[in-house]
Amino acid sequence: MERVLKDFISYLFVEKGLAANTLDSYQRDLQKYLRFLKQQRIIHFEDTSRKTVSQFLLHEKNRGLAPSTLSRHLAAVRSFYNFLLQERVVQKNPAAETESPRNEKKLPKVLSLKDVELLLEQPETRETIGMRDKAMLELLYASGVRVSELVFLNLDSINLKTGFLKCVGKGNKERMIPLGSMALRSVHEYLRVGRPKLLKEKDEKALFLNQHGKRLTRQGFWKILKKYALKANFNKNITPHTLRHSFATHLLENGADLRSVQEMLGHADISTTQIYTQITQKKIKEIYAKTHPRA
């Protein structure tokens, strides 16, 4: 069973081009499933059934897992069985008709425009590191890219003349995102003054470098963001995704169409983007309640 799981993970990497984080997630979820099968003394995949999958989900639910996590587990198991079908290890997919646990989507946390501006003012741009940090924060808010996409940007990912960012997202899909003048100005200044001071090896392609002249990591950026959130005296938890959520919400609040926001965020399904409309509708309702004389 472990060998077949390794084959599946290799298949996802080679054939599907999934990101390392996604592969790790699949592996963790499916290793849980294999442990459950062993507990049930099932040693062949063809001996599993729809009931087996349901019992696995119930077992995980009883451990206190959230519906969103259970849905992710089910998706991983379904994909795994599709692979087993393809490899003729099983005759049917027992997870195909298993209902996904109901998942109440929580509205993402967003910053007000005032808070975004306060955060972006925190880096000390007279210093090399501050210049880099300012460019990263401006770029993150201007483009709505994921933090993993931000740290994997290369020098040729951004075109300062045309004002576009080339980003490679989930599933190796490439998208072009327009950038605002303030982000372009900050990135230009970082490339002109800051990056050359951080650079150690001339052939380094990474756009954002750490103090050792290497590509900045996701963990490194998290620490940077937390530092500036603390400096701005935010009493709320700020993550890189908070800026992504704020990017999308502020665009929609100012009249952007949903399809364009979907393209810029790199969402495969527009239903994922639609959650931001709930935030804008909620805000409109609050404004109405405060301002209409007969509300």
Foldseek 3Di string as FASTA:
>chain_A
DVVLLVVLLVCCCPVQVFDPVVSVLLSVLVVLLVVLCVVVVHDAPQPDALVSLVVSLVVVVVVPDALVSSLSSLVSLQSSVVVCVVVVSYVDRRSPPRDRRDHDDDQDAADDPVVLVLLLPQQDCVDLVSLLLSLLSLVCLFQLEFLQQSLPDWPVQADLVVQWGWTQDGSRDIAIGHGDPVSSVSLVCSVVPRLVVQADDPPAGTSHADNNNHGQDSVNSQVVSVVSCVVSVPPDDDGSNNSSLNSLLVCVLVPDDLVVNCRSHVPPDSVVSCSSVVVSVVVVVVVCVVPPPVD
